[in-house]
Amino acid sequence: MYAVIFRAEIAVLDDEYYTSAKQLKELAETKYGCLDFTSVTEGNQEIAISYWSDKKQILAWKNDEHHLAMQILGKERWYKSYKVQIVEIEREYCSN
């Protein structure tokens, strides 16, 4: 399993951002097989973590036409800077 970690410094988040973020999350889950997608904002920082079965899904998601358009808006309007990390999960455990 893999995780994509997106960290950003926020410039401004408007109504279009919130609508687009919801649509992109649904697209990742329904079309590209994203297993889970969580995001939080604190102050001017945002972090989003999505979980995937394989790298091919991640690449397909990265190159989705709608996602590419939102990446451009993110660079132009919503974020001052951002960083993306793709990591392989070696072990997972929980307290259930």
N, C-alpha and C. Protein backbone atom coordinates (compact mmCIF):
# COMPACT_ATOMS: atom_id res chain seq x y z
N MET A 1 0.85 -1.17 0.00
CA MET A 1 0.00 0.00 0.00
C MET A 1 0.90 1.24 0.00
N TYR A 2 0.38 2.31 -0.60
CA TYR A 2 1.11 3.57 -0.72
C TYR A 2 0.26 4.72 -0.15
N ALA A 3 0.95 5.75 0.28
CA ALA A 3 0.27 6.97 0.73
C ALA A 3 0.86 8.14 -0.04
N VAL A 4 -0.01 9.06 -0.43
CA VAL A 4 0.40 10.32 -1.03
C VAL A 4 0.14 11.40 0.00
N ILE A 5 1.19 12.10 0.38
CA ILE A 5 1.10 13.16 1.38
C ILE A 5 1.26 14.49 0.67
N PHE A 6 0.23 15.33 0.75
CA PHE A 6 0.24 16.66 0.13
C PHE A 6 0.26 17.67 1.27
N ARG A 7 1.27 18.52 1.29
CA ARG A 7 1.38 19.58 2.30
C ARG A 7 1.47 20.91 1.57
N ALA A 8 0.72 21.90 2.06
CA ALA A 8 0.70 23.19 1.38
C ALA A 8 0.62 24.34 2.37
N GLU A 9 1.19 25.46 1.93
CA GLU A 9 0.99 26.73 2.60
C GLU A 9 -0.11 27.45 1.82
N ILE A 10 -1.17 27.78 2.51
CA ILE A 10 -2.37 28.34 1.87
C ILE A 10 -2.19 29.83 1.59
N ALA A 11 -2.60 30.23 0.39
CA ALA A 11 -2.71 31.66 0.07
C ALA A 11 -4.12 32.12 0.42
N VAL A 12 -5.11 31.53 -0.24
CA VAL A 12 -6.51 31.82 0.04
C VAL A 12 -7.35 30.65 -0.46
N LEU A 13 -8.35 30.25 0.32
CA LEU A 13 -9.26 29.19 -0.09
C LEU A 13 -10.65 29.80 -0.25
N ASP A 14 -11.15 29.74 -1.48
CA ASP A 14 -12.46 30.32 -1.78
C ASP A 14 -13.50 29.22 -1.99
N ASP A 15 -14.72 29.62 -2.32
CA ASP A 15 -15.80 28.65 -2.52
C ASP A 15 -15.48 27.65 -3.62
N GLU A 16 -14.83 28.12 -4.69
CA GLU A 16 -14.47 27.22 -5.79
C GLU A 16 -13.51 26.13 -5.31
N TYR A 17 -12.60 26.49 -4.42
CA TYR A 17 -11.68 25.51 -3.87
C TYR A 17 -12.44 24.40 -3.16
N TYR A 18 -13.36 24.76 -2.27
CA TYR A 18 -14.08 23.76 -1.48
C TYR A 18 -14.92 22.85 -2.37
N THR A 19 -15.55 23.41 -3.38
CA THR A 19 -16.34 22.61 -4.33
C THR A 19 -15.43 21.66 -5.11
N SER A 20 -14.31 22.19 -5.60
CA SER A 20 -13.37 21.38 -6.38
C SER A 20 -12.74 20.29 -5.54
N ALA A 21 -12.37 20.60 -4.31
CA ALA A 21 -11.74 19.61 -3.43
C ALA A 21 -12.68 18.43 -3.18
N LYS A 22 -13.94 18.71 -2.97
CA LYS A 22 -14.93 17.65 -2.76
C LYS A 22 -15.06 16.78 -4.02
N GLN A 23 -15.13 17.42 -5.18
CA GLN A 23 -15.24 16.69 -6.44
C GLN A 23 -14.01 15.82 -6.70
N LEU A 24 -12.82 16.37 -6.41
CA LEU A 24 -11.58 15.62 -6.64
C LEU A 24 -11.48 14.42 -5.72
N LYS A 25 -11.89 14.57 -4.48
CA LYS A 25 -11.88 13.45 -3.54
C LYS A 25 -12.78 12.33 -4.05
N GLU A 26 -13.99 12.68 -4.47
CA GLU A 26 -14.93 11.69 -4.99
C GLU A 26 -14.38 11.01 -6.25
N LEU A 27 -13.75 11.79 -7.12
CA LEU A 27 -13.15 11.25 -8.34
C LEU A 27 -12.02 10.27 -8.01
N ALA A 28 -11.17 10.63 -7.08
CA ALA A 28 -10.06 9.76 -6.68
C ALA A 28 -10.59 8.42 -6.16
N GLU A 29 -11.64 8.48 -5.37
CA GLU A 29 -12.19 7.27 -4.77
C GLU A 29 -12.97 6.41 -5.77
N THR A 30 -13.77 7.04 -6.61
CA THR A 30 -14.65 6.27 -7.49
C THR A 30 -13.99 5.83 -8.80
N LYS A 31 -13.15 6.67 -9.38
CA LYS A 31 -12.56 6.35 -10.67
C LYS A 31 -11.17 5.72 -10.57
N TYR A 32 -10.40 6.11 -9.55
CA TYR A 32 -9.00 5.71 -9.51
C TYR A 32 -8.66 4.76 -8.36
N GLY A 33 -9.62 4.39 -7.55
CA GLY A 33 -9.40 3.37 -6.52
C GLY A 33 -8.73 3.85 -5.25
N CYS A 34 -8.79 5.13 -4.97
CA CYS A 34 -8.25 5.64 -3.72
C CYS A 34 -8.97 4.94 -2.56
N LEU A 35 -8.20 4.41 -1.62
CA LEU A 35 -8.77 3.64 -0.51
C LEU A 35 -9.29 4.53 0.60
N ASP A 36 -8.64 5.66 0.81
CA ASP A 36 -9.04 6.60 1.86
C ASP A 36 -8.40 7.94 1.54
N PHE A 37 -9.06 9.02 1.92
CA PHE A 37 -8.58 10.37 1.61
C PHE A 37 -8.99 11.27 2.78
N THR A 38 -8.01 11.83 3.44
CA THR A 38 -8.27 12.69 4.60
C THR A 38 -7.48 13.99 4.44
N SER A 39 -8.11 15.11 4.74
CA SER A 39 -7.39 16.38 4.70
C SER A 39 -7.79 17.25 5.89
N VAL A 40 -6.84 18.05 6.35
CA VAL A 40 -7.08 18.98 7.45
C VAL A 40 -6.37 20.29 7.16
N THR A 41 -6.94 21.34 7.70
CA THR A 41 -6.36 22.68 7.58
C THR A 41 -6.22 23.26 8.98
N GLU A 42 -5.05 23.83 9.24
CA GLU A 42 -4.81 24.51 10.51
C GLU A 42 -4.03 25.78 10.21
N GLY A 43 -4.60 26.91 10.56
CA GLY A 43 -3.96 28.18 10.23
C GLY A 43 -3.82 28.30 8.72
N ASN A 44 -2.60 28.55 8.25
CA ASN A 44 -2.39 28.65 6.81
C ASN A 44 -1.73 27.39 6.24
N GLN A 45 -1.87 26.27 6.96
CA GLN A 45 -1.28 25.00 6.52
C GLN A 45 -2.39 23.99 6.20
N GLU A 46 -2.18 23.24 5.13
CA GLU A 46 -3.09 22.16 4.77
C GLU A 46 -2.28 20.89 4.58
N ILE A 47 -2.83 19.77 5.02
CA ILE A 47 -2.22 18.47 4.76
C ILE A 47 -3.33 17.52 4.33
N ALA A 48 -3.04 16.78 3.27
CA ALA A 48 -3.99 15.78 2.78
C ALA A 48 -3.21 14.48 2.58
N ILE A 49 -3.79 13.39 3.04
CA ILE A 49 -3.16 12.08 2.88
C ILE A 49 -4.17 11.16 2.20
N SER A 50 -3.72 10.56 1.11
CA SER A 50 -4.57 9.59 0.42
C SER A 50 -3.82 8.26 0.37
N TYR A 51 -4.59 7.18 0.38
CA TYR A 51 -4.03 5.83 0.42
C TYR A 51 -4.42 5.07 -0.84
N TRP A 52 -3.45 4.33 -1.40
CA TRP A 52 -3.62 3.66 -2.68
C TRP A 52 -3.03 2.26 -2.64
N SER A 53 -3.56 1.37 -3.48
CA SER A 53 -3.04 0.00 -3.57
C SER A 53 -1.74 -0.07 -4.35
N ASP A 54 -1.60 0.75 -5.41
CA ASP A 54 -0.39 0.67 -6.22
C ASP A 54 -0.06 2.01 -6.87
N LYS A 55 1.16 2.08 -7.41
CA LYS A 55 1.66 3.32 -8.01
C LYS A 55 0.95 3.67 -9.31
N LYS A 56 0.45 2.67 -10.04
CA LYS A 56 -0.26 2.94 -11.28
C LYS A 56 -1.52 3.77 -11.02
N GLN A 57 -2.22 3.48 -9.94
CA GLN A 57 -3.40 4.27 -9.57
C GLN A 57 -3.00 5.72 -9.28
N ILE A 58 -1.92 5.89 -8.57
CA ILE A 58 -1.45 7.23 -8.21
C ILE A 58 -1.11 8.03 -9.47
N LEU A 59 -0.40 7.40 -10.39
CA LEU A 59 -0.01 8.07 -11.63
C LEU A 59 -1.24 8.43 -12.47
N ALA A 60 -2.19 7.51 -12.56
CA ALA A 60 -3.42 7.80 -13.31
C ALA A 60 -4.16 8.97 -12.69
N TRP A 61 -4.24 9.01 -11.38
CA TRP A 61 -4.89 10.11 -10.66
C TRP A 61 -4.15 11.42 -10.90
N LYS A 62 -2.82 11.39 -10.82
CA LYS A 62 -2.02 12.59 -11.03
C LYS A 62 -2.26 13.19 -12.41
N ASN A 63 -2.47 12.33 -13.41
CA ASN A 63 -2.63 12.78 -14.79
C ASN A 63 -4.07 12.96 -15.24
N ASP A 64 -5.02 12.82 -14.33
CA ASP A 64 -6.42 13.04 -14.67
C ASP A 64 -6.62 14.49 -15.13
N GLU A 65 -7.38 14.68 -16.19
CA GLU A 65 -7.58 16.01 -16.80
C GLU A 65 -8.14 17.03 -15.80
N HIS A 66 -9.14 16.63 -15.02
CA HIS A 66 -9.75 17.55 -14.04
C HIS A 66 -8.75 17.86 -12.92
N HIS A 67 -8.02 16.84 -12.49
CA HIS A 67 -7.03 17.04 -11.44
C HIS A 67 -5.92 17.98 -11.92
N LEU A 68 -5.47 17.82 -13.17
CA LEU A 68 -4.45 18.71 -13.74
C LEU A 68 -4.93 20.16 -13.76
N ALA A 69 -6.19 20.37 -14.13
CA ALA A 69 -6.76 21.73 -14.15
C ALA A 69 -6.77 22.34 -12.75
N MET A 70 -7.11 21.53 -11.75
CA MET A 70 -7.15 22.02 -10.37
C MET A 70 -5.74 22.29 -9.84
N GLN A 71 -4.76 21.51 -10.31
CA GLN A 71 -3.37 21.77 -9.92
C GLN A 71 -2.93 23.16 -10.38
N ILE A 72 -3.33 23.53 -11.58
CA ILE A 72 -2.99 24.86 -12.10
C ILE A 72 -3.62 25.95 -11.24
N LEU A 73 -4.91 25.79 -10.92
CA LEU A 73 -5.57 26.77 -10.05
C LEU A 73 -4.91 26.82 -8.68
N GLY A 74 -4.50 25.66 -8.18
CA GLY A 74 -3.81 25.63 -6.89
C GLY A 74 -2.54 26.46 -6.91
N LYS A 75 -1.76 26.31 -7.98
CA LYS A 75 -0.52 27.07 -8.10
C LYS A 75 -0.79 28.56 -8.28
N GLU A 76 -1.84 28.90 -9.02
CA GLU A 76 -2.13 30.30 -9.34
C GLU A 76 -2.86 31.03 -8.22
N ARG A 77 -3.74 30.34 -7.49
CA ARG A 77 -4.63 31.04 -6.55
C ARG A 77 -4.58 30.55 -5.12
N TRP A 78 -4.65 29.26 -4.92
CA TRP A 78 -4.95 28.74 -3.59
C TRP A 78 -3.75 28.53 -2.69
N TYR A 79 -2.59 28.24 -3.27
CA TYR A 79 -1.43 27.89 -2.46
C TYR A 79 -0.23 28.79 -2.74
N LYS A 80 0.47 29.13 -1.67
CA LYS A 80 1.75 29.83 -1.81
C LYS A 80 2.84 28.84 -2.20
N SER A 81 2.79 27.67 -1.63
CA SER A 81 3.74 26.61 -1.95
C SER A 81 3.13 25.28 -1.54
N TYR A 82 3.69 24.20 -2.08
CA TYR A 82 3.22 22.87 -1.70
C TYR A 82 4.32 21.84 -1.92
N LYS A 83 4.13 20.68 -1.31
CA LYS A 83 5.06 19.57 -1.45
C LYS A 83 4.23 18.29 -1.49
N VAL A 84 4.63 17.35 -2.35
CA VAL A 84 3.96 16.06 -2.45
C VAL A 84 5.00 14.97 -2.19
N GLN A 85 4.64 14.03 -1.34
CA GLN A 85 5.49 12.88 -1.06
C GLN A 85 4.69 11.61 -1.31
N ILE A 86 5.32 10.63 -1.93
CA ILE A 86 4.70 9.33 -2.13
C ILE A 86 5.53 8.32 -1.34
N VAL A 87 4.88 7.62 -0.43
CA VAL A 87 5.59 6.70 0.44
C VAL A 87 4.94 5.32 0.39
N GLU A 88 5.77 4.30 0.57
CA GLU A 88 5.25 2.94 0.66
C GLU A 88 5.07 2.60 2.14
N ILE A 89 3.93 2.07 2.48
CA ILE A 89 3.65 1.71 3.86
C ILE A 89 4.18 0.30 4.10
N GLU A 90 5.10 0.20 5.01
CA GLU A 90 5.73 -1.10 5.29
C GLU A 90 4.97 -1.89 6.34
N ARG A 91 4.35 -1.19 7.27
CA ARG A 91 3.65 -1.86 8.36
C ARG A 91 2.50 -0.98 8.83
N GLU A 92 1.45 -1.61 9.27
CA GLU A 92 0.30 -0.87 9.80
C GLU A 92 -0.27 -1.67 10.96
N TYR A 93 -0.64 -0.99 12.02
CA TYR A 93 -1.32 -1.64 13.13
C TYR A 93 -2.23 -0.63 13.79
N CYS A 94 -3.22 -1.12 14.52
CA CYS A 94 -4.16 -0.23 15.20
C CYS A 94 -4.57 -0.84 16.53
N SER A 95 -5.33 -0.09 17.30
CA SER A 95 -5.70 -0.51 18.65
C SER A 95 -7.09 -1.15 18.73
N ASN A 96 -7.72 -1.42 17.61
CA ASN A 96 -9.07 -2.00 17.67
C ASN A 96 -9.03 -3.36 18.25
